[in-house]
């Protein structure tokens, strides 16, 4: 979780000048980033569910939530950084 939060602060520092303006480009980057992030979250859920059902790993509910939140933060902000370079 600490790694995800440190990545979040790094990404916010990088993205702030580009998201400061409330234009169509920033809105497009946010929208596409959220779409990619939701697709990735669905994949994360499937991997965790199948992994737990097949017995590859056993985790408590709190650990699963912590992993999912960390992955979601990293995925969302990295997709925003990639899309901001692309657009």
PDB file of N, CA and C in Angstrom:
ATOM      1  N   UNK A   1       0.819  -1.188   0.000  1.00  0.00           N
ATOM      2  CA  UNK A   1       0.000   0.000   0.000  1.00  0.00           C
ATOM      3  C   UNK A   1       0.871   1.263   0.000  1.00  0.00           C
ATOM      4  N   UNK A   2       1.984   1.228   0.741  1.00  0.00           N
ATOM      5  CA  UNK A   2       2.859   2.403   0.754  1.00  0.00           C
ATOM      6  C   UNK A   2       3.454   2.659  -0.617  1.00  0.00           C
ATOM      7  N   UNK A   3       3.790   1.603  -1.324  1.00  0.00           N
ATOM      8  CA  UNK A   3       4.332   1.770  -2.664  1.00  0.00           C
ATOM      9  C   UNK A   3       3.321   2.392  -3.609  1.00  0.00           C
ATOM     10  N   UNK A   4       2.063   1.975  -3.500  1.00  0.00           N
ATOM     11  CA  UNK A   4       1.020   2.543  -4.349  1.00  0.00           C
ATOM     12  C   UNK A   4       0.785   4.012  -4.027  1.00  0.00           C
ATOM     13  N   UNK A   5       0.829   4.363  -2.752  1.00  0.00           N
ATOM     14  CA  UNK A   5       0.628   5.759  -2.379  1.00  0.00           C
ATOM     15  C   UNK A   5       1.804   6.639  -2.799  1.00  0.00           C
ATOM     16  N   UNK A   6       3.008   6.093  -2.749  1.00  0.00           N
ATOM     17  CA  UNK A   6       4.151   6.874  -3.230  1.00  0.00           C
ATOM     18  C   UNK A   6       4.088   7.039  -4.747  1.00  0.00           C
ATOM     19  N   UNK A   7       3.635   6.011  -5.451  1.00  0.00           N
ATOM     20  CA  UNK A   7       3.449   6.127  -6.897  1.00  0.00           C
ATOM     21  C   UNK A   7       2.369   7.158  -7.206  1.00  0.00           C
ATOM     22  N   UNK A   8       1.307   7.189  -6.408  1.00  0.00           N
ATOM     23  CA  UNK A   8       0.236   8.158  -6.595  1.00  0.00           C
ATOM     24  C   UNK A   8       0.767   9.577  -6.472  1.00  0.00           C
ATOM     25  N   UNK A   9       1.588   9.846  -5.478  1.00  0.00           N
ATOM     26  CA  UNK A   9       2.111  11.207  -5.308  1.00  0.00           C
ATOM     27  C   UNK A   9       3.063  11.571  -6.454  1.00  0.00           C
ATOM     28  N   UNK A  10       3.868  10.620  -6.909  1.00  0.00           N
ATOM     29  CA  UNK A  10       4.740  10.877  -8.059  1.00  0.00           C
ATOM     30  C   UNK A  10       3.911  11.189  -9.304  1.00  0.00           C
ATOM     31  N   UNK A  11       2.884  10.386  -9.544  1.00  0.00           N
ATOM     32  CA  UNK A  11       2.058  10.569 -10.738  1.00  0.00           C
ATOM     33  C   UNK A  11       1.273  11.877 -10.671  1.00  0.00           C
ATOM     34  N   UNK A  12       0.773  12.230  -9.491  1.00  0.00           N
ATOM     35  CA  UNK A  12       0.050  13.493  -9.351  1.00  0.00           C
ATOM     36  C   UNK A  12       0.968  14.672  -9.640  1.00  0.00           C
ATOM     37  N   UNK A  13       2.192  14.585  -9.173  1.00  0.00           N
ATOM     38  CA  UNK A  13       3.144  15.652  -9.460  1.00  0.00           C
ATOM     39  C   UNK A  13       3.437  15.774 -10.940  1.00  0.00           C
ATOM     40  N   UNK A  14       3.478  14.649 -11.626  1.00  0.00           N
ATOM     41  CA  UNK A  14       3.730  14.664 -13.068  1.00  0.00           C
ATOM     42  C   UNK A  14       2.513  15.168 -13.843  1.00  0.00           C
ATOM     43  N   UNK A  15       1.316  14.770 -13.403  1.00  0.00           N
ATOM     44  CA  UNK A  15       0.106  15.084 -14.150  1.00  0.00           C
ATOM     45  C   UNK A  15      -0.506  16.442 -13.812  1.00  0.00           C
ATOM     46  N   UNK A  16      -0.111  17.048 -12.718  1.00  0.00           N
ATOM     47  CA  UNK A  16      -0.753  18.293 -12.297  1.00  0.00           C
ATOM     48  C   UNK A  16      -0.718  19.395 -13.353  1.00  0.00           C
ATOM     49  N   UNK A  17       0.419  19.667 -13.986  1.00  0.00           N
ATOM     50  CA  UNK A  17       0.405  20.733 -14.999  1.00  0.00           C
ATOM     51  C   UNK A  17      -0.524  20.437 -16.176  1.00  0.00           C
ATOM     52  N   UNK A  18      -0.707  19.174 -16.493  1.00  0.00           N
ATOM     53  CA  UNK A  18      -1.555  18.833 -17.631  1.00  0.00           C
ATOM     54  C   UNK A  18      -3.027  18.807 -17.258  1.00  0.00           C
ATOM     55  N   UNK A  19      -3.336  18.443 -16.012  1.00  0.00           N
ATOM     56  CA  UNK A  19      -4.730  18.384 -15.578  1.00  0.00           C
ATOM     57  C   UNK A  19      -5.204  19.688 -14.952  1.00  0.00           C
ATOM     58  N   UNK A  20      -4.290  20.645 -14.811  1.00  0.00           N
ATOM     59  CA  UNK A  20      -4.674  21.928 -14.225  1.00  0.00           C
ATOM     60  C   UNK A  20      -5.700  22.631 -15.098  1.00  0.00           C
ATOM     61  N   UNK A  21      -5.519  22.505 -16.400  1.00  0.00           N
ATOM     62  CA  UNK A  21      -6.476  23.090 -17.326  1.00  0.00           C
ATOM     63  C   UNK A  21      -7.668  22.144 -17.449  1.00  0.00           C
ATOM     64  N   UNK A  22      -8.839  22.703 -17.439  1.00  0.00           N
ATOM     65  CA  UNK A  22     -10.055  21.891 -17.565  1.00  0.00           C
ATOM     66  C   UNK A  22     -10.524  21.908 -19.021  1.00  0.00           C
ATOM     67  N   UNK A  23      -9.705  21.353 -19.905  1.00  0.00           N
ATOM     68  CA  UNK A  23     -10.055  21.343 -21.314  1.00  0.00           C
ATOM     69  C   UNK A  23     -10.490  19.941 -21.749  1.00  0.00           C
ATOM     70  N   UNK A  24     -10.804  19.824 -23.037  1.00  0.00           N
ATOM     71  CA  UNK A  24     -11.288  18.547 -23.568  1.00  0.00           C
ATOM     72  C   UNK A  24     -10.212  17.467 -23.534  1.00  0.00           C
ATOM     73  N   UNK A  25      -8.968  17.851 -23.707  1.00  0.00           N
ATOM     74  CA  UNK A  25      -7.872  16.888 -23.700  1.00  0.00           C
ATOM     75  C   UNK A  25      -7.742  16.221 -22.334  1.00  0.00           C
ATOM     76  N   UNK A  26      -7.770  17.004 -21.283  1.00  0.00           N
ATOM     77  CA  UNK A  26      -7.669  16.452 -19.929  1.00  0.00           C
ATOM     78  C   UNK A  26      -8.872  15.573 -19.617  1.00  0.00           C
ATOM     79  N   UNK A  27     -10.035  15.988 -20.076  1.00  0.00           N
ATOM     80  CA  UNK A  27     -11.245  15.190 -19.854  1.00  0.00           C
ATOM     81  C   UNK A  27     -11.169  13.866 -20.603  1.00  0.00           C
ATOM     82  N   UNK A  28     -10.645  13.876 -21.822  1.00  0.00           N
ATOM     83  CA  UNK A  28     -10.490  12.659 -22.607  1.00  0.00           C
ATOM     84  C   UNK A  28      -9.495  11.702 -21.943  1.00  0.00           C
ATOM     85  N   UNK A  29      -8.398  12.249 -21.451  1.00  0.00           N
ATOM     86  CA  UNK A  29      -7.400  11.417 -20.767  1.00  0.00           C
ATOM     87  C   UNK A  29      -8.001  10.774 -19.534  1.00  0.00           C
ATOM     88  N   UNK A  30      -8.739  11.538 -18.744  1.00  0.00           N
ATOM     89  CA  UNK A  30      -9.365  10.983 -17.540  1.00  0.00           C
ATOM     90  C   UNK A  30     -10.379   9.896 -17.889  1.00  0.00           C
ATOM     91  N   UNK A  31     -11.192  10.151 -18.903  1.00  0.00           N
ATOM     92  CA  UNK A  31     -12.229   9.197 -19.275  1.00  0.00           C
ATOM     93  C   UNK A  31     -11.639   7.891 -19.790  1.00  0.00           C
ATOM     94  N   UNK A  32     -10.686   7.972 -20.705  1.00  0.00           N
ATOM     95  CA  UNK A  32     -10.076   6.758 -21.249  1.00  0.00           C
ATOM     96  C   UNK A  32      -9.281   6.012 -20.183  1.00  0.00           C
ATOM     97  N   UNK A  33      -8.609   6.734 -19.312  1.00  0.00           N
ATOM     98  CA  UNK A  33      -7.866   6.106 -18.231  1.00  0.00           C
ATOM     99  C   UNK A  33      -8.769   5.330 -17.293  1.00  0.00           C
ATOM    100  N   UNK A  34      -9.925   5.900 -16.986  1.00  0.00           N
ATOM    101  CA  UNK A  34     -10.894   5.201 -16.126  1.00  0.00           C
ATOM    102  C   UNK A  34     -11.442   3.960 -16.822  1.00  0.00           C
ATOM    103  N   UNK A  35     -11.674   4.022 -18.116  1.00  0.00           N
ATOM    104  CA  UNK A  35     -12.154   2.851 -18.845  1.00  0.00           C
ATOM    105  C   UNK A  35     -11.120   1.728 -18.820  1.00  0.00           C
ATOM    106  N   UNK A  36      -9.873   2.067 -19.091  1.00  0.00           N
ATOM    107  CA  UNK A  36      -8.810   1.057 -19.054  1.00  0.00           C
ATOM    108  C   UNK A  36      -8.636   0.492 -17.648  1.00  0.00           C
ATOM    109  N   UNK A  37      -8.779   1.339 -16.671  1.00  0.00           N
ATOM    110  CA  UNK A  37      -8.621   0.915 -15.291  1.00  0.00           C
ATOM    111  C   UNK A  37      -9.739  -0.046 -14.867  1.00  0.00           C
ATOM    112  N   UNK A  38     -10.936   0.197 -15.325  1.00  0.00           N
ATOM    113  CA  UNK A  38     -12.045  -0.698 -14.981  1.00  0.00           C
ATOM    114  C   UNK A  38     -11.895  -2.055 -15.665  1.00  0.00           C
ATOM    115  N   UNK A  39     -11.391  -2.066 -16.874  1.00  0.00           N
ATOM    116  CA  UNK A  39     -11.122  -3.337 -17.555  1.00  0.00           C
ATOM    117  C   UNK A  39     -10.045  -4.112 -16.801  1.00  0.00           C
ATOM    118  N   UNK A  40      -8.998  -3.411 -16.393  1.00  0.00           N
ATOM    119  CA  UNK A  40      -7.924  -4.070 -15.643  1.00  0.00           C
ATOM    120  C   UNK A  40      -8.429  -4.578 -14.301  1.00  0.00           C
ATOM    121  N   UNK A  41      -9.301  -3.825 -13.644  1.00  0.00           N
ATOM    122  CA  UNK A  41      -9.859  -4.269 -12.360  1.00  0.00           C
ATOM    123  C   UNK A  41     -10.668  -5.542 -12.533  1.00  0.00           C
ATOM    124  N   UNK A  42     -11.414  -5.647 -13.624  1.00  0.00           N
ATOM    125  CA  UNK A  42     -12.161  -6.879 -13.896  1.00  0.00           C
ATOM    126  C   UNK A  42     -11.221  -8.064 -14.070  1.00  0.00           C
ATOM    127  N   UNK A  43     -10.108  -7.842 -14.757  1.00  0.00           N
ATOM    128  CA  UNK A  43      -9.125  -8.909 -14.933  1.00  0.00           C
ATOM    129  C   UNK A  43      -8.512  -9.287 -13.584  1.00  0.00           C
ATOM    130  N   UNK A  44      -8.211  -8.288 -12.755  1.00  0.00           N
ATOM    131  CA  UNK A  44      -7.663  -8.572 -11.428  1.00  0.00           C
ATOM    132  C   UNK A  44      -8.634  -9.411 -10.602  1.00  0.00           C
ATOM    133  N   UNK A  45      -9.926  -9.064 -10.669  1.00  0.00           N
ATOM    134  CA  UNK A  45     -10.930  -9.840  -9.946  1.00  0.00           C
ATOM    135  C   UNK A  45     -10.955 -11.288 -10.423  1.00  0.00           C
ATOM    136  N   UNK A  46     -10.948 -11.479 -11.728  1.00  0.00           N
ATOM    137  CA  UNK A  46     -10.988 -12.837 -12.268  1.00  0.00           C
ATOM    138  C   UNK A  46      -9.772 -13.647 -11.840  1.00  0.00           C
ATOM    139  N   UNK A  47      -8.606 -13.049 -11.901  1.00  0.00           N
ATOM    140  CA  UNK A  47      -7.388 -13.758 -11.499  1.00  0.00           C
ATOM    141  C   UNK A  47      -7.442 -14.121 -10.023  1.00  0.00           C
ATOM    142  N   UNK A  48      -7.880 -13.183  -9.180  1.00  0.00           N
ATOM    143  CA  UNK A  48      -7.967 -13.472  -7.756  1.00  0.00           C
ATOM    144  C   UNK A  48      -9.003 -14.548  -7.445  1.00  0.00           C
ATOM    145  N   UNK A  49     -10.151 -14.482  -8.091  1.00  0.00           N
ATOM    146  CA  UNK A  49     -11.210 -15.465  -7.838  1.00  0.00           C
ATOM    147  C   UNK A  49     -10.766 -16.850  -8.276  1.00  0.00           C
ATOM    148  N   UNK A  50     -10.222 -16.955  -9.494  1.00  0.00           N
ATOM    149  CA  UNK A  50      -9.771 -18.263  -9.965  1.00  0.00           C
ATOM    150  C   UNK A  50      -8.589 -18.784  -9.155  1.00  0.00           C
ATOM    151  N   UNK A  51      -7.702 -17.905  -8.783  1.00  0.00           N
ATOM    152  CA  UNK A  51      -6.562 -18.317  -7.970  1.00  0.00           C
ATOM    153  C   UNK A  51      -6.979 -18.833  -6.609  1.00  0.00           C
ATOM    154  N   UNK A  52      -7.979 -18.206  -6.029  1.00  0.00           N
ATOM    155  CA  UNK A  52      -8.449 -18.666  -4.721  1.00  0.00           C
ATOM    156  C   UNK A  52      -9.258 -19.951  -4.844  1.00  0.00           C
ATOM    157  N   UNK A  53     -10.043 -20.082  -5.897  1.00  0.00           N
ATOM    158  CA  UNK A  53     -10.842 -21.292  -6.086  1.00  0.00           C
ATOM    159  C   UNK A  53      -9.974 -22.504  -6.380  1.00  0.00           C
ATOM    160  N   UNK A  54      -8.908 -22.296  -7.119  1.00  0.00           N
ATOM    161  CA  UNK A  54      -8.028 -23.404  -7.462  1.00  0.00           C
ATOM    162  C   UNK A  54      -6.985 -23.674  -6.378  1.00  0.00           C
ATOM    163  N   UNK A  55      -6.936 -22.837  -5.371  1.00  0.00           N
ATOM    164  CA  UNK A  55      -6.050 -23.064  -4.247  1.00  0.00           C
ATOM    165  C   UNK A  55      -4.624 -22.633  -4.466  1.00  0.00           C
ATOM    166  N   UNK A  56      -4.383 -21.749  -5.421  1.00  0.00           N
ATOM    167  CA  UNK A  56      -3.025 -21.269  -5.645  1.00  0.00           C
ATOM    168  C   UNK A  56      -2.546 -20.401  -4.490  1.00  0.00           C
ATOM    169  N   UNK A  57      -3.476 -19.652  -3.900  1.00  0.00           N
ATOM    170  CA  UNK A  57      -3.125 -18.831  -2.747  1.00  0.00           C
ATOM    171  C   UNK A  57      -4.351 -18.638  -1.874  1.00  0.00           C
ATOM    172  N   UNK A  58      -4.109 -18.438  -0.608  1.00  0.00           N
ATOM    173  CA  UNK A  58      -5.188 -18.180   0.346  1.00  0.00           C
ATOM    174  C   UNK A  58      -4.914 -16.840   1.009  1.00  0.00           C
ATOM    175  N   UNK A  59      -5.874 -15.969   0.943  1.00  0.00           N
ATOM    176  CA  UNK A  59      -5.725 -14.631   1.494  1.00  0.00           C
ATOM    177  C   UNK A  59      -6.943 -14.273   2.320  1.00  0.00           C
ATOM    178  N   UNK A  60      -6.747 -13.428   3.292  1.00  0.00           N
ATOM    179  CA  UNK A  60      -7.868 -12.893   4.058  1.00  0.00           C
ATOM    180  C   UNK A  60      -8.533 -11.784   3.241  1.00  0.00           C
ATOM    181  N   UNK A  61      -9.754 -11.459   3.617  1.00  0.00           N
ATOM    182  CA  UNK A  61     -10.509 -10.442   2.882  1.00  0.00           C
ATOM    183  C   UNK A  61      -9.800  -9.089   2.933  1.00  0.00           C
ATOM    184  N   UNK A  62      -9.210  -8.756   4.070  1.00  0.00           N
ATOM    185  CA  UNK A  62      -8.508  -7.481   4.196  1.00  0.00           C
ATOM    186  C   UNK A  62      -7.294  -7.429   3.271  1.00  0.00           C
ATOM    187  N   UNK A  63      -6.592  -8.528   3.148  1.00  0.00           N
ATOM    188  CA  UNK A  63      -5.431  -8.579   2.249  1.00  0.00           C
ATOM    189  C   UNK A  63      -5.857  -8.438   0.792  1.00  0.00           C
ATOM    190  N   UNK A  64      -6.949  -9.065   0.430  1.00  0.00           N
ATOM    191  CA  UNK A  64      -7.457  -8.956  -0.937  1.00  0.00           C
ATOM    192  C   UNK A  64      -7.837  -7.513  -1.249  1.00  0.00           C
ATOM    193  N   UNK A  65      -8.525  -6.859  -0.319  1.00  0.00           N
ATOM    194  CA  UNK A  65      -8.897  -5.461  -0.527  1.00  0.00           C
ATOM    195  C   UNK A  65      -7.678  -4.567  -0.669  1.00  0.00           C
ATOM    196  N   UNK A  66      -6.680  -4.800   0.153  1.00  0.00           N
ATOM    197  CA  UNK A  66      -5.466  -3.997   0.086  1.00  0.00           C
ATOM    198  C   UNK A  66      -4.758  -4.189  -1.257  1.00  0.00           C
ATOM    199  N   UNK A  67      -4.695  -5.408  -1.723  1.00  0.00           N
ATOM    200  CA  UNK A  67      -4.068  -5.689  -3.017  1.00  0.00           C
ATOM    201  C   UNK A  67      -4.845  -5.035  -4.156  1.00  0.00           C
ATOM    202  N   UNK A  68      -6.172  -5.157  -4.125  1.00  0.00           N
ATOM    203  CA  UNK A  68      -6.986  -4.580  -5.195  1.00  0.00           C
ATOM    204  C   UNK A  68      -6.904  -3.052  -5.219  1.00  0.00           C
ATOM    205  N   UNK A  69      -6.926  -2.431  -4.061  1.00  0.00           N
ATOM    206  CA  UNK A  69      -6.833  -0.968  -4.025  1.00  0.00           C
ATOM    207  C   UNK A  69      -5.470  -0.516  -4.545  1.00  0.00           C
ATOM    208  N   UNK A  70      -4.419  -1.197  -4.147  1.00  0.00           N
ATOM    209  CA  UNK A  70      -3.076  -0.842  -4.632  1.00  0.00           C
ATOM    210  C   UNK A  70      -2.974  -1.008  -6.142  1.00  0.00           C
ATOM    211  N   UNK A  71      -3.469  -2.126  -6.654  1.00  0.00           N
ATOM    212  CA  UNK A  71      -3.429  -2.348  -8.104  1.00  0.00           C
ATOM    213  C   UNK A  71      -4.268  -1.319  -8.850  1.00  0.00           C
ATOM    214  N   UNK A  72      -5.404  -0.945  -8.281  1.00  0.00           N
ATOM    215  CA  UNK A  72      -6.267   0.037  -8.930  1.00  0.00           C
ATOM    216  C   UNK A  72      -5.592   1.407  -8.983  1.00  0.00           C
ATOM    217  N   UNK A  73      -4.953   1.817  -7.904  1.00  0.00           N
ATOM    218  CA  UNK A  73      -4.254   3.107  -7.886  1.00  0.00           C
ATOM    219  C   UNK A  73      -3.134   3.118  -8.920  1.00  0.00           C
ATOM    220  N   UNK A  74      -2.340   2.072  -8.926  1.00  0.00           N
ATOM    221  CA  UNK A  74      -1.211   2.014  -9.859  1.00  0.00           C
ATOM    222  C   UNK A  74      -1.698   1.962 -11.303  1.00  0.00           C
ATOM    223  N   UNK A  75      -2.742   1.182 -11.568  1.00  0.00           N
ATOM    224  CA  UNK A  75      -3.259   1.071 -12.931  1.00  0.00           C
ATOM    225  C   UNK A  75      -3.853   2.380 -13.420  1.00  0.00           C
ATOM    226  N   UNK A  76      -4.638   3.029 -12.593  1.00  0.00           N
ATOM    227  CA  UNK A  76      -5.295   4.265 -13.003  1.00  0.00           C
ATOM    228  C   UNK A  76      -4.279   5.358 -13.301  1.00  0.00           C
ATOM    229  N   UNK A  77      -3.365   5.580 -12.401  1.00  0.00           N
ATOM    230  CA  UNK A  77      -2.429   6.679 -12.598  1.00  0.00           C
ATOM    231  C   UNK A  77      -1.389   6.380 -13.673  1.00  0.00           C
ATOM    232  N   UNK A  78      -1.009   5.128 -13.822  1.00  0.00           N
ATOM    233  CA  UNK A  78      -0.073   4.823 -14.916  1.00  0.00           C
ATOM    234  C   UNK A  78      -0.771   4.944 -16.264  1.00  0.00           C
ATOM    235  N   UNK A  79      -2.050   4.590 -16.350  1.00  0.00           N
ATOM    236  CA  UNK A  79      -2.771   4.774 -17.619  1.00  0.00           C
ATOM    237  C   UNK A  79      -2.933   6.247 -17.924  1.00  0.00           C
ATOM    238  N   UNK A  80      -3.174   7.083 -16.910  1.00  0.00           N
ATOM    239  CA  UNK A  80      -3.253   8.517 -17.145  1.00  0.00           C
ATOM    240  C   UNK A  80      -1.913   9.066 -17.632  1.00  0.00           C
ATOM    241  N   UNK A  81      -0.815   8.574 -17.063  1.00  0.00           N
ATOM    242  CA  UNK A  81       0.496   9.066 -17.490  1.00  0.00           C
ATOM    243  C   UNK A  81       0.782   8.647 -18.933  1.00  0.00           C
ATOM    244  N   UNK A  82       0.453   7.417 -19.286  1.00  0.00           N
ATOM    245  CA  UNK A  82       0.669   6.943 -20.654  1.00  0.00           C
ATOM    246  C   UNK A  82      -0.202   7.717 -21.636  1.00  0.00           C
ATOM    247  N   UNK A  83      -1.461   7.919 -21.287  1.00  0.00           N
ATOM    248  CA  UNK A  83      -2.366   8.644 -22.180  1.00  0.00           C
ATOM    249  C   UNK A  83      -1.996  10.110 -22.294  1.00  0.00           C
ATOM    250  N   UNK A  84      -1.449  10.701 -21.234  1.00  0.00           N
ATOM    251  CA  UNK A  84      -1.054  12.110 -21.338  1.00  0.00           C
ATOM    252  C   UNK A  84       0.138  12.285 -22.281  1.00  0.00           C
ATOM    253  N   UNK A  85       1.008  11.276 -22.358  1.00  0.00           N
ATOM    254  CA  UNK A  85       2.106  11.341 -23.341  1.00  0.00           C
ATOM    255  C   UNK A  85       1.573  11.114 -24.747  1.00  0.00           C
ATOM    256  N   UNK A  86       0.555  10.244 -24.859  1.00  0.00           N
ATOM    257  CA  UNK A  86       0.010   9.917 -26.180  1.00  0.00           C
ATOM    258  C   UNK A  86      -0.781  11.079 -26.775  1.00  0.00           C
ATOM    259  N   UNK A  87      -1.591  11.736 -25.948  1.00  0.00           N
ATOM    260  CA  UNK A  87      -2.426  12.842 -26.446  1.00  0.00           C
ATOM    261  C   UNK A  87      -1.742  14.141 -26.123  1.00  0.00           C
TER     262      UNK A  87
END
